[in-house]
């Protein structure tokens, strides 16, 4: 069987080779695949992408023997699931791997903003030890609004309670047991926005959560609040985020993701595409956001701990083995 892995680092290849049948032929690409890489993978029956490899109908057509997509991520919005279903291609994901990992990164962003760690670091590196403008704020007693109280969200709530914070949560599914055990209350989204000193997003990205924060509700955010997004960029409308920062509605933002972040990563591709002015507009808006001193940005790094990566690879290998054995696991389509 021919397996193709995209966006795979050296050590990850070594890890996986020890966990999939050695008789399989592996095609490995270190980056997002170029045209030559798609040609190398053309006969693959199994493809394992990461989040930046887009598997749309056009790409899927280049893989006529494809039977399984084993994405090394929880989210699968980079895959045309409808087309996969039509073609009889199974899609598996990694549903759980880094609940605590992402939650810890969330608080790294919160603390960077609350104590202006990023600004202090840059200042000291320049030889300036002045404290002017570096006064922060305590987390104790503040209200954090957690949008999406699933596995990651619950870890965030546990950490927040450890800091002595009050917690509001918004989720389409409410669990009174966890609310009682962890000491938080549920609220509708508008109420959460208006009452929270810190808003942190942990919802999956889909058609229902697209632009969860948008021009119509950004004005309801408590003035001076901080927004954290370690989920998916598409949860936040870029224009609304920029306006909220410009108008002082948001005192800051901690972002691990951006809407259309691939346009920031691949500017040359963006400049060569003159057919989509919306992408260019969003890319400019993102650059304006990233230049602001009250914005902390990490490059989609919240998942990136050694332990989490090993869990991702172990689950991916098991997904492949289970599919070959005729009992696929973690199937999303």
C-alpha atoms as a PDB file:
ATOM      1  CA  UNK A   1       0.000   0.000   0.000  1.00  0.00           C
ATOM      2  CA  UNK A   2       1.228   3.486  -0.843  1.00  0.00           C
ATOM      3  CA  UNK A   3       0.926   6.138   1.892  1.00  0.00           C
ATOM      4  CA  UNK A   4       1.589   9.856   1.419  1.00  0.00           C
ATOM      5  CA  UNK A   5       2.370  12.144   4.347  1.00  0.00           C
ATOM      6  CA  UNK A   6       2.401  15.909   3.868  1.00  0.00           C
ATOM      7  CA  UNK A   7       3.878  18.590   6.174  1.00  0.00           C
ATOM      8  CA  UNK A   8       5.858  15.935   8.047  1.00  0.00           C
ATOM      9  CA  UNK A   9       9.083  16.675   9.929  1.00  0.00           C
ATOM     10  CA  UNK A  10      12.106  14.360  10.018  1.00  0.00           C
ATOM     11  CA  UNK A  11      11.524  13.052  13.529  1.00  0.00           C
ATOM     12  CA  UNK A  12       7.825  12.519  12.790  1.00  0.00           C
ATOM     13  CA  UNK A  13       8.716  10.333   9.822  1.00  0.00           C
ATOM     14  CA  UNK A  14      10.988   8.206  12.023  1.00  0.00           C
ATOM     15  CA  UNK A  15       8.216   7.936  14.640  1.00  0.00           C
ATOM     16  CA  UNK A  16       5.607   6.858  12.062  1.00  0.00           C
ATOM     17  CA  UNK A  17       7.842   4.394  10.219  1.00  0.00           C
ATOM     18  CA  UNK A  18       8.069   2.441  13.444  1.00  0.00           C
ATOM     19  CA  UNK A  19       4.289   2.308  13.763  1.00  0.00           C
ATOM     20  CA  UNK A  20       2.997   1.474  10.282  1.00  0.00           C
ATOM     21  CA  UNK A  21       3.596  -1.729   8.363  1.00  0.00           C
ATOM     22  CA  UNK A  22       7.130  -1.630   6.927  1.00  0.00           C
ATOM     23  CA  UNK A  23       5.870  -3.202   3.719  1.00  0.00           C
ATOM     24  CA  UNK A  24       4.011   0.021   2.916  1.00  0.00           C
ATOM     25  CA  UNK A  25       5.589   2.511   0.528  1.00  0.00           C
ATOM     26  CA  UNK A  26       5.815   5.956   2.102  1.00  0.00           C
ATOM     27  CA  UNK A  27       5.864   9.220   0.171  1.00  0.00           C
ATOM     28  CA  UNK A  28       6.910  12.043   2.479  1.00  0.00           C
ATOM     29  CA  UNK A  29       6.719  15.782   1.861  1.00  0.00           C
ATOM     30  CA  UNK A  30       8.138  18.179   4.457  1.00  0.00           C
ATOM     31  CA  UNK A  31       5.959  21.108   3.391  1.00  0.00           C
ATOM     32  CA  UNK A  32       2.592  21.831   1.812  1.00  0.00           C
ATOM     33  CA  UNK A  33       2.789  19.733  -1.361  1.00  0.00           C
ATOM     34  CA  UNK A  34       3.824  21.359  -4.619  1.00  0.00           C
ATOM     35  CA  UNK A  35       2.684  20.035  -7.996  1.00  0.00           C
ATOM     36  CA  UNK A  36       5.575  17.572  -8.170  1.00  0.00           C
ATOM     37  CA  UNK A  37       4.595  16.174  -4.765  1.00  0.00           C
ATOM     38  CA  UNK A  38       1.014  15.563  -5.909  1.00  0.00           C
ATOM     39  CA  UNK A  39       2.443  13.628  -8.847  1.00  0.00           C
ATOM     40  CA  UNK A  40       4.589  11.512  -6.490  1.00  0.00           C
ATOM     41  CA  UNK A  41       1.496  10.786  -4.395  1.00  0.00           C
ATOM     42  CA  UNK A  42      -0.816  10.107  -7.335  1.00  0.00           C
ATOM     43  CA  UNK A  43      -1.084   6.355  -6.652  1.00  0.00           C
ATOM     44  CA  UNK A  44      -1.465   6.701  -2.874  1.00  0.00           C
ATOM     45  CA  UNK A  45      -4.316   4.865  -1.211  1.00  0.00           C
ATOM     46  CA  UNK A  46      -3.794   6.721   2.073  1.00  0.00           C
ATOM     47  CA  UNK A  47      -2.993  10.424   2.442  1.00  0.00           C
ATOM     48  CA  UNK A  48      -2.157  12.071   5.772  1.00  0.00           C
ATOM     49  CA  UNK A  49      -2.181  15.878   5.640  1.00  0.00           C
ATOM     50  CA  UNK A  50      -1.825  18.561   8.272  1.00  0.00           C
ATOM     51  CA  UNK A  51      -3.974  21.696   8.340  1.00  0.00           C
ATOM     52  CA  UNK A  52      -2.345  23.696   5.534  1.00  0.00           C
ATOM     53  CA  UNK A  53      -2.728  21.019   2.855  1.00  0.00           C
ATOM     54  CA  UNK A  54      -6.037  21.715   1.153  1.00  0.00           C
ATOM     55  CA  UNK A  55      -7.772  18.613  -0.157  1.00  0.00           C
ATOM     56  CA  UNK A  56     -10.467  20.087  -2.351  1.00  0.00           C
ATOM     57  CA  UNK A  57     -12.197  18.420  -5.280  1.00  0.00           C
ATOM     58  CA  UNK A  58      -9.400  19.383  -7.656  1.00  0.00           C
ATOM     59  CA  UNK A  59      -6.693  17.859  -5.471  1.00  0.00           C
ATOM     60  CA  UNK A  60      -8.766  14.761  -4.778  1.00  0.00           C
ATOM     61  CA  UNK A  61      -9.090  14.216  -8.519  1.00  0.00           C
ATOM     62  CA  UNK A  62      -5.295  13.857  -8.640  1.00  0.00           C
ATOM     63  CA  UNK A  63      -5.546  10.862  -6.276  1.00  0.00           C
ATOM     64  CA  UNK A  64      -7.588   8.258  -8.187  1.00  0.00           C
ATOM     65  CA  UNK A  65      -6.709   5.362  -5.859  1.00  0.00           C
ATOM     66  CA  UNK A  66      -7.353   7.242  -2.629  1.00  0.00           C
ATOM     67  CA  UNK A  67      -9.265   5.304   0.030  1.00  0.00           C
ATOM     68  CA  UNK A  68      -8.392   7.077   3.299  1.00  0.00           C
ATOM     69  CA  UNK A  69      -7.494  10.585   4.446  1.00  0.00           C
ATOM     70  CA  UNK A  70      -5.969  10.425   7.932  1.00  0.00           C
ATOM     71  CA  UNK A  71      -5.628  14.073   8.868  1.00  0.00           C
ATOM     72  CA  UNK A  72      -3.241  14.818  11.710  1.00  0.00           C
ATOM     73  CA  UNK A  73      -5.601  17.334  13.277  1.00  0.00           C
ATOM     74  CA  UNK A  74      -8.915  17.607  15.054  1.00  0.00           C
ATOM     75  CA  UNK A  75     -10.369  20.079  12.597  1.00  0.00           C
ATOM     76  CA  UNK A  76     -11.031  18.939   9.035  1.00  0.00           C
ATOM     77  CA  UNK A  77     -12.221  22.116   7.311  1.00  0.00           C
ATOM     78  CA  UNK A  78      -9.208  21.800   4.968  1.00  0.00           C
ATOM     79  CA  UNK A  79     -10.826  18.700   3.456  1.00  0.00           C
ATOM     80  CA  UNK A  80     -13.788  18.635   1.077  1.00  0.00           C
ATOM     81  CA  UNK A  81     -15.731  16.070   3.078  1.00  0.00           C
ATOM     82  CA  UNK A  82     -18.711  16.139   0.727  1.00  0.00           C
ATOM     83  CA  UNK A  83     -16.510  15.217  -2.231  1.00  0.00           C
ATOM     84  CA  UNK A  84     -14.849  12.490  -0.156  1.00  0.00           C
ATOM     85  CA  UNK A  85     -18.238  11.003   0.655  1.00  0.00           C
ATOM     86  CA  UNK A  86     -19.213  11.101  -3.011  1.00  0.00           C
ATOM     87  CA  UNK A  87     -16.009   9.304  -3.954  1.00  0.00           C
ATOM     88  CA  UNK A  88     -16.213   6.760  -1.130  1.00  0.00           C
ATOM     89  CA  UNK A  89     -13.092   8.089   0.599  1.00  0.00           C
ATOM     90  CA  UNK A  90     -13.027   7.659   4.375  1.00  0.00           C
ATOM     91  CA  UNK A  91     -11.842  10.648   6.429  1.00  0.00           C
ATOM     92  CA  UNK A  92     -10.418  10.136   9.930  1.00  0.00           C
ATOM     93  CA  UNK A  93      -9.166  12.770  12.349  1.00  0.00           C
ATOM     94  CA  UNK A  94      -7.417  12.993  15.721  1.00  0.00           C
ATOM     95  CA  UNK A  95     -10.302  13.979  17.986  1.00  0.00           C
ATOM     96  CA  UNK A  96      -8.295  14.329  21.198  1.00  0.00           C
ATOM     97  CA  UNK A  97      -4.616  15.014  21.628  1.00  0.00           C
ATOM     98  CA  UNK A  98      -3.918  18.335  23.263  1.00  0.00           C
ATOM     99  CA  UNK A  99      -6.741  19.580  25.439  1.00  0.00           C
ATOM    100  CA  UNK A 100      -4.351  20.650  28.185  1.00  0.00           C
ATOM    101  CA  UNK A 101      -1.738  21.717  25.601  1.00  0.00           C
ATOM    102  CA  UNK A 102      -3.996  24.274  23.915  1.00  0.00           C
ATOM    103  CA  UNK A 103      -5.413  25.418  27.252  1.00  0.00           C
ATOM    104  CA  UNK A 104      -1.909  26.079  28.588  1.00  0.00           C
ATOM    105  CA  UNK A 105      -1.040  28.069  25.457  1.00  0.00           C
ATOM    106  CA  UNK A 106      -4.251  30.036  25.903  1.00  0.00           C
ATOM    107  CA  UNK A 107      -3.031  31.191  29.287  1.00  0.00           C
ATOM    108  CA  UNK A 108       0.409  31.934  27.901  1.00  0.00           C
ATOM    109  CA  UNK A 109      -1.286  34.464  25.608  1.00  0.00           C
ATOM    110  CA  UNK A 110      -3.497  35.787  28.406  1.00  0.00           C
ATOM    111  CA  UNK A 111      -0.532  36.333  30.723  1.00  0.00           C
ATOM    112  CA  UNK A 112       1.543  37.912  27.963  1.00  0.00           C
ATOM    113  CA  UNK A 113      -1.198  40.509  27.553  1.00  0.00           C
ATOM    114  CA  UNK A 114      -2.183  40.941  31.198  1.00  0.00           C
ATOM    115  CA  UNK A 115       1.437  41.606  32.229  1.00  0.00           C
ATOM    116  CA  UNK A 116       2.655  43.055  28.893  1.00  0.00           C
ATOM    117  CA  UNK A 117       5.394  40.455  28.726  1.00  0.00           C
ATOM    118  CA  UNK A 118       5.911  40.885  24.983  1.00  0.00           C
ATOM    119  CA  UNK A 119       6.314  44.660  25.246  1.00  0.00           C
ATOM    120  CA  UNK A 120       8.668  44.364  28.216  1.00  0.00           C
ATOM    121  CA  UNK A 121      10.804  41.808  26.389  1.00  0.00           C
ATOM    122  CA  UNK A 122      11.246  44.004  23.313  1.00  0.00           C
ATOM    123  CA  UNK A 123      12.017  47.029  25.477  1.00  0.00           C
ATOM    124  CA  UNK A 124      14.672  45.272  27.561  1.00  0.00           C
ATOM    125  CA  UNK A 125      16.288  43.796  24.461  1.00  0.00           C
ATOM    126  CA  UNK A 126      16.739  47.379  23.271  1.00  0.00           C
ATOM    127  CA  UNK A 127      18.434  48.286  26.568  1.00  0.00           C
ATOM    128  CA  UNK A 128      15.475  50.166  28.030  1.00  0.00           C
ATOM    129  CA  UNK A 129      14.537  49.117  31.577  1.00  0.00           C
ATOM    130  CA  UNK A 130      11.827  51.735  32.113  1.00  0.00           C
ATOM    131  CA  UNK A 131       8.526  50.549  33.596  1.00  0.00           C
ATOM    132  CA  UNK A 132       6.515  53.321  31.928  1.00  0.00           C
ATOM    133  CA  UNK A 133       3.501  51.869  30.133  1.00  0.00           C
ATOM    134  CA  UNK A 134       4.099  48.338  31.384  1.00  0.00           C
ATOM    135  CA  UNK A 135       1.518  48.249  34.160  1.00  0.00           C
ATOM    136  CA  UNK A 136      -0.628  45.162  33.825  1.00  0.00           C
ATOM    137  CA  UNK A 137      -3.667  43.767  35.585  1.00  0.00           C
ATOM    138  CA  UNK A 138      -4.439  40.838  37.890  1.00  0.00           C
ATOM    139  CA  UNK A 139      -6.397  37.852  36.671  1.00  0.00           C
ATOM    140  CA  UNK A 140      -7.828  37.158  40.119  1.00  0.00           C
ATOM    141  CA  UNK A 141     -11.391  38.401  40.333  1.00  0.00           C
ATOM    142  CA  UNK A 142     -11.727  38.985  36.592  1.00  0.00           C
ATOM    143  CA  UNK A 143     -14.415  37.284  34.500  1.00  0.00           C
ATOM    144  CA  UNK A 144     -13.326  35.036  31.665  1.00  0.00           C
ATOM    145  CA  UNK A 145     -15.825  34.076  28.995  1.00  0.00           C
ATOM    146  CA  UNK A 146     -15.135  30.676  27.461  1.00  0.00           C
ATOM    147  CA  UNK A 147     -16.804  30.209  24.074  1.00  0.00           C
ATOM    148  CA  UNK A 148     -16.957  26.457  23.561  1.00  0.00           C
ATOM    149  CA  UNK A 149     -16.955  24.412  26.771  1.00  0.00           C
ATOM    150  CA  UNK A 150     -15.759  21.143  25.283  1.00  0.00           C
ATOM    151  CA  UNK A 151     -12.605  19.289  26.258  1.00  0.00           C
ATOM    152  CA  UNK A 152     -10.247  22.231  25.678  1.00  0.00           C
ATOM    153  CA  UNK A 153     -12.693  24.737  27.104  1.00  0.00           C
ATOM    154  CA  UNK A 154     -13.065  22.723  30.311  1.00  0.00           C
ATOM    155  CA  UNK A 155      -9.273  22.674  30.749  1.00  0.00           C
ATOM    156  CA  UNK A 156      -9.263  26.446  30.315  1.00  0.00           C
ATOM    157  CA  UNK A 157     -11.962  26.734  32.965  1.00  0.00           C
ATOM    158  CA  UNK A 158      -9.952  24.594  35.412  1.00  0.00           C
ATOM    159  CA  UNK A 159      -6.912  26.808  34.973  1.00  0.00           C
ATOM    160  CA  UNK A 160      -8.997  29.980  35.251  1.00  0.00           C
ATOM    161  CA  UNK A 161     -10.528  28.829  38.510  1.00  0.00           C
ATOM    162  CA  UNK A 162      -6.999  28.209  39.784  1.00  0.00           C
ATOM    163  CA  UNK A 163      -6.256  31.887  39.147  1.00  0.00           C
ATOM    164  CA  UNK A 164      -9.347  32.846  41.129  1.00  0.00           C
ATOM    165  CA  UNK A 165     -11.321  33.979  38.093  1.00  0.00           C
ATOM    166  CA  UNK A 166     -15.072  33.992  37.594  1.00  0.00           C
ATOM    167  CA  UNK A 167     -16.119  31.948  34.569  1.00  0.00           C
ATOM    168  CA  UNK A 168     -18.919  32.270  32.052  1.00  0.00           C
ATOM    169  CA  UNK A 169     -19.314  29.664  29.325  1.00  0.00           C
ATOM    170  CA  UNK A 170     -21.249  29.590  26.082  1.00  0.00           C
ATOM    171  CA  UNK A 171     -21.929  26.284  24.365  1.00  0.00           C
ATOM    172  CA  UNK A 172     -24.792  24.824  22.363  1.00  0.00           C
ATOM    173  CA  UNK A 173     -24.653  21.837  24.714  1.00  0.00           C
ATOM    174  CA  UNK A 174     -24.822  22.549  28.426  1.00  0.00           C
ATOM    175  CA  UNK A 175     -23.493  20.173  31.057  1.00  0.00           C
ATOM    176  CA  UNK A 176     -24.824  21.045  34.502  1.00  0.00           C
ATOM    177  CA  UNK A 177     -22.543  18.459  36.127  1.00  0.00           C
ATOM    178  CA  UNK A 178     -19.328  20.151  34.995  1.00  0.00           C
ATOM    179  CA  UNK A 179     -20.781  23.584  35.695  1.00  0.00           C
ATOM    180  CA  UNK A 180     -21.358  22.586  39.303  1.00  0.00           C
ATOM    181  CA  UNK A 181     -18.064  20.726  39.748  1.00  0.00           C
ATOM    182  CA  UNK A 182     -15.902  23.453  38.232  1.00  0.00           C
ATOM    183  CA  UNK A 183     -17.950  26.377  39.504  1.00  0.00           C
ATOM    184  CA  UNK A 184     -18.946  28.219  36.348  1.00  0.00           C
ATOM    185  CA  UNK A 185     -22.192  29.414  34.827  1.00  0.00           C
ATOM    186  CA  UNK A 186     -23.539  29.223  31.306  1.00  0.00           C
ATOM    187  CA  UNK A 187     -24.609  32.346  29.432  1.00  0.00           C
ATOM    188  CA  UNK A 188     -25.808  33.267  25.973  1.00  0.00           C
ATOM    189  CA  UNK A 189     -23.124  34.642  23.680  1.00  0.00           C
ATOM    190  CA  UNK A 190     -24.223  38.289  23.843  1.00  0.00           C
ATOM    191  CA  UNK A 191     -24.302  38.190  27.643  1.00  0.00           C
ATOM    192  CA  UNK A 192     -20.872  36.566  27.741  1.00  0.00           C
ATOM    193  CA  UNK A 193     -19.450  39.253  25.450  1.00  0.00           C
ATOM    194  CA  UNK A 194     -20.865  42.063  27.565  1.00  0.00           C
ATOM    195  CA  UNK A 195     -19.736  40.678  30.947  1.00  0.00           C
ATOM    196  CA  UNK A 196     -16.319  39.159  30.238  1.00  0.00           C
ATOM    197  CA  UNK A 197     -12.976  40.850  30.866  1.00  0.00           C
ATOM    198  CA  UNK A 198     -11.306  38.135  28.806  1.00  0.00           C
ATOM    199  CA  UNK A 199     -13.027  36.272  25.963  1.00  0.00           C
ATOM    200  CA  UNK A 200     -11.414  33.056  24.779  1.00  0.00           C
ATOM    201  CA  UNK A 201     -12.581  30.988  21.813  1.00  0.00           C
ATOM    202  CA  UNK A 202     -12.571  27.180  21.802  1.00  0.00           C
ATOM    203  CA  UNK A 203     -15.357  26.274  19.389  1.00  0.00           C
ATOM    204  CA  UNK A 204     -14.812  24.097  16.305  1.00  0.00           C
ATOM    205  CA  UNK A 205     -14.961  25.837  12.958  1.00  0.00           C
ATOM    206  CA  UNK A 206     -17.981  25.011  10.794  1.00  0.00           C
ATOM    207  CA  UNK A 207     -20.838  26.736   9.012  1.00  0.00           C
ATOM    208  CA  UNK A 208     -22.533  27.481  12.338  1.00  0.00           C
ATOM    209  CA  UNK A 209     -19.484  29.064  13.990  1.00  0.00           C
ATOM    210  CA  UNK A 210     -18.187  30.984  10.968  1.00  0.00           C
ATOM    211  CA  UNK A 211     -17.708  34.607  12.084  1.00  0.00           C
ATOM    212  CA  UNK A 212     -19.025  33.943  15.565  1.00  0.00           C
ATOM    213  CA  UNK A 213     -17.522  37.356  16.335  1.00  0.00           C
ATOM    214  CA  UNK A 214     -18.708  39.732  13.625  1.00  0.00           C
ATOM    215  CA  UNK A 215     -19.525  43.414  12.994  1.00  0.00           C
ATOM    216  CA  UNK A 216     -23.048  42.917  14.339  1.00  0.00           C
ATOM    217  CA  UNK A 217     -21.962  41.805  17.835  1.00  0.00           C
ATOM    218  CA  UNK A 218     -18.458  43.164  18.294  1.00  0.00           C
ATOM    219  CA  UNK A 219     -19.969  46.352  19.754  1.00  0.00           C
ATOM    220  CA  UNK A 220     -21.519  44.283  22.551  1.00  0.00           C
ATOM    221  CA  UNK A 221     -18.087  43.328  23.881  1.00  0.00           C
ATOM    222  CA  UNK A 222     -17.281  44.851  27.270  1.00  0.00           C
ATOM    223  CA  UNK A 223     -15.080  47.855  26.586  1.00  0.00           C
ATOM    224  CA  UNK A 224     -11.469  47.139  27.485  1.00  0.00           C
ATOM    225  CA  UNK A 225     -11.815  43.355  27.231  1.00  0.00           C
ATOM    226  CA  UNK A 226      -9.159  41.073  25.786  1.00  0.00           C
ATOM    227  CA  UNK A 227      -9.887  38.519  23.038  1.00  0.00           C
ATOM    228  CA  UNK A 228      -7.993  35.215  22.778  1.00  0.00           C
ATOM    229  CA  UNK A 229      -8.303  32.856  19.815  1.00  0.00           C
ATOM    230  CA  UNK A 230      -6.475  29.524  19.820  1.00  0.00           C
ATOM    231  CA  UNK A 231      -9.187  27.752  17.821  1.00  0.00           C
ATOM    232  CA  UNK A 232      -9.699  28.704  14.164  1.00  0.00           C
ATOM    233  CA  UNK A 233      -9.279  32.066  12.483  1.00  0.00           C
ATOM    234  CA  UNK A 234     -12.652  31.856  10.768  1.00  0.00           C
ATOM    235  CA  UNK A 235     -14.454  32.232  14.096  1.00  0.00           C
ATOM    236  CA  UNK A 236     -13.605  35.944  13.998  1.00  0.00           C
ATOM    237  CA  UNK A 237     -14.399  38.360  11.192  1.00  0.00           C
ATOM    238  CA  UNK A 238     -11.117  40.121  10.421  1.00  0.00           C
ATOM    239  CA  UNK A 239     -12.651  43.527   9.725  1.00  0.00           C
ATOM    240  CA  UNK A 240     -14.607  43.381  13.001  1.00  0.00           C
ATOM    241  CA  UNK A 241     -11.464  42.470  14.957  1.00  0.00           C
ATOM    242  CA  UNK A 242      -9.488  45.329  13.424  1.00  0.00           C
ATOM    243  CA  UNK A 243     -12.266  47.812  14.148  1.00  0.00           C
ATOM    244  CA  UNK A 244     -12.599  46.609  17.756  1.00  0.00           C
ATOM    245  CA  UNK A 245      -8.863  47.142  18.291  1.00  0.00           C
ATOM    246  CA  UNK A 246      -8.837  50.515  16.510  1.00  0.00           C
ATOM    247  CA  UNK A 247     -11.858  51.796  18.460  1.00  0.00           C
ATOM    248  CA  UNK A 248     -10.571  50.595  21.841  1.00  0.00           C
ATOM    249  CA  UNK A 249     -13.416  48.144  22.343  1.00  0.00           C
ATOM    250  CA  UNK A 250     -10.725  45.517  22.769  1.00  0.00           C
ATOM    251  CA  UNK A 251      -7.736  46.446  24.879  1.00  0.00           C
ATOM    252  CA  UNK A 252      -5.757  43.655  23.252  1.00  0.00           C
ATOM    253  CA  UNK A 253      -5.841  40.330  21.491  1.00  0.00           C
ATOM    254  CA  UNK A 254      -3.897  37.108  21.845  1.00  0.00           C
ATOM    255  CA  UNK A 255      -4.083  35.197  18.577  1.00  0.00           C
ATOM    256  CA  UNK A 256      -2.718  31.826  17.571  1.00  0.00           C
ATOM    257  CA  UNK A 257      -4.807  31.864  14.398  1.00  0.00           C
ATOM    258  CA  UNK A 258      -6.031  34.391  11.854  1.00  0.00           C
ATOM    259  CA  UNK A 259      -8.792  34.271   9.309  1.00  0.00           C
ATOM    260  CA  UNK A 260      -7.100  33.406   6.036  1.00  0.00           C
ATOM    261  CA  UNK A 261      -3.745  32.922   7.780  1.00  0.00           C
ATOM    262  CA  UNK A 262      -2.461  31.062   4.730  1.00  0.00           C
ATOM    263  CA  UNK A 263      -2.349  34.428   2.941  1.00  0.00           C
ATOM    264  CA  UNK A 264       0.136  35.638   5.537  1.00  0.00           C
ATOM    265  CA  UNK A 265       2.213  32.480   5.169  1.00  0.00           C
ATOM    266  CA  UNK A 266       2.155  32.422   1.375  1.00  0.00           C
ATOM    267  CA  UNK A 267       2.240  36.052   0.236  1.00  0.00           C
ATOM    268  CA  UNK A 268       3.778  35.210  -3.145  1.00  0.00           C
ATOM    269  CA  UNK A 269       0.783  33.018  -3.989  1.00  0.00           C
ATOM    270  CA  UNK A 270      -1.554  35.797  -2.892  1.00  0.00           C
ATOM    271  CA  UNK A 271       0.146  38.401  -5.072  1.00  0.00           C
ATOM    272  CA  UNK A 272      -0.129  36.123  -8.103  1.00  0.00           C
ATOM    273  CA  UNK A 273      -3.892  35.729  -7.601  1.00  0.00           C
ATOM    274  CA  UNK A 274      -5.554  38.876  -8.904  1.00  0.00           C
ATOM    275  CA  UNK A 275      -9.015  37.289  -9.073  1.00  0.00           C
ATOM    276  CA  UNK A 276      -9.854  37.506  -5.368  1.00  0.00           C
ATOM    277  CA  UNK A 277      -9.665  41.056  -3.960  1.00  0.00           C
ATOM    278  CA  UNK A 278     -11.240  39.866  -0.689  1.00  0.00           C
ATOM    279  CA  UNK A 279      -8.166  37.763   0.079  1.00  0.00           C
ATOM    280  CA  UNK A 280      -5.892  40.739  -0.543  1.00  0.00           C
ATOM    281  CA  UNK A 281      -8.054  42.994   1.651  1.00  0.00           C
ATOM    282  CA  UNK A 282      -8.008  40.431   4.468  1.00  0.00           C
ATOM    283  CA  UNK A 283      -4.252  39.987   4.185  1.00  0.00           C
ATOM    284  CA  UNK A 284      -3.751  43.746   4.561  1.00  0.00           C
ATOM    285  CA  UNK A 285      -6.089  43.811   7.555  1.00  0.00           C
ATOM    286  CA  UNK A 286      -4.163  40.933   9.141  1.00  0.00           C
ATOM    287  CA  UNK A 287      -0.887  42.790   8.693  1.00  0.00           C
ATOM    288  CA  UNK A 288      -2.394  45.842  10.391  1.00  0.00           C
ATOM    289  CA  UNK A 289      -3.581  43.674  13.279  1.00  0.00           C
ATOM    290  CA  UNK A 290      -0.207  41.975  13.739  1.00  0.00           C
ATOM    291  CA  UNK A 291       1.624  45.331  13.860  1.00  0.00           C
ATOM    292  CA  UNK A 292      -0.351  46.522  16.883  1.00  0.00           C
ATOM    293  CA  UNK A 293       1.597  46.542  20.175  1.00  0.00           C
ATOM    294  CA  UNK A 294      -1.429  45.234  22.083  1.00  0.00           C
ATOM    295  CA  UNK A 295      -1.633  42.096  19.923  1.00  0.00           C
ATOM    296  CA  UNK A 296       0.318  38.944  20.707  1.00  0.00           C
ATOM    297  CA  UNK A 297       0.486  36.484  17.840  1.00  0.00           C
ATOM    298  CA  UNK A 298       1.867  32.960  17.659  1.00  0.00           C
ATOM    299  CA  UNK A 299       1.949  31.034  14.348  1.00  0.00           C
ATOM    300  CA  UNK A 300      -0.726  28.379  14.948  1.00  0.00           C
ATOM    301  CA  UNK A 301       1.500  26.985  17.679  1.00  0.00           C
ATOM    302  CA  UNK A 302      -0.949  26.177  20.482  1.00  0.00           C
ATOM    303  CA  UNK A 303      -0.907  22.447  19.690  1.00  0.00           C
ATOM    304  CA  UNK A 304       2.874  22.283  19.415  1.00  0.00           C
ATOM    305  CA  UNK A 305       4.216  20.432  22.431  1.00  0.00           C
ATOM    306  CA  UNK A 306       6.268  17.253  22.174  1.00  0.00           C
ATOM    307  CA  UNK A 307       3.692  15.260  24.097  1.00  0.00           C
ATOM    308  CA  UNK A 308       0.785  16.485  21.963  1.00  0.00           C
ATOM    309  CA  UNK A 309       2.601  15.794  18.714  1.00  0.00           C
ATOM    310  CA  UNK A 310       3.394  12.252  19.784  1.00  0.00           C
ATOM    311  CA  UNK A 311      -0.262  11.709  20.647  1.00  0.00           C
ATOM    312  CA  UNK A 312      -1.243  13.024  17.187  1.00  0.00           C
ATOM    313  CA  UNK A 313       1.160  10.659  15.440  1.00  0.00           C
ATOM    314  CA  UNK A 314       0.176   7.668  17.571  1.00  0.00           C
ATOM    315  CA  UNK A 315      -3.515   8.232  16.852  1.00  0.00           C
ATOM    316  CA  UNK A 316      -2.841   8.751  13.135  1.00  0.00           C
ATOM    317  CA  UNK A 317      -0.884   5.485  12.936  1.00  0.00           C
ATOM    318  CA  UNK A 318      -3.695   3.682  14.750  1.00  0.00           C
ATOM    319  CA  UNK A 319      -6.272   5.252  12.403  1.00  0.00           C
ATOM    320  CA  UNK A 320      -4.359   3.864   9.421  1.00  0.00           C
ATOM    321  CA  UNK A 321      -3.866   0.416  10.958  1.00  0.00           C
ATOM    322  CA  UNK A 322      -7.541   0.189  11.928  1.00  0.00           C
ATOM    323  CA  UNK A 323      -8.694   1.195   8.470  1.00  0.00           C
ATOM    324  CA  UNK A 324      -6.472  -1.427   6.825  1.00  0.00           C
ATOM    325  CA  UNK A 325      -7.851  -4.015   9.272  1.00  0.00           C
ATOM    326  CA  UNK A 326     -11.378  -3.140   8.192  1.00  0.00           C
ATOM    327  CA  UNK A 327     -12.433  -1.407  11.409  1.00  0.00           C
ATOM    328  CA  UNK A 328     -11.814   2.327  10.882  1.00  0.00           C
ATOM    329  CA  UNK A 329     -11.669   4.598  13.941  1.00  0.00           C
ATOM    330  CA  UNK A 330     -12.294   8.319  14.453  1.00  0.00           C
ATOM    331  CA  UNK A 331     -14.281   8.556  11.225  1.00  0.00           C
ATOM    332  CA  UNK A 332     -15.735  11.969  10.360  1.00  0.00           C
ATOM    333  CA  UNK A 333     -16.930  10.954   6.880  1.00  0.00           C
END
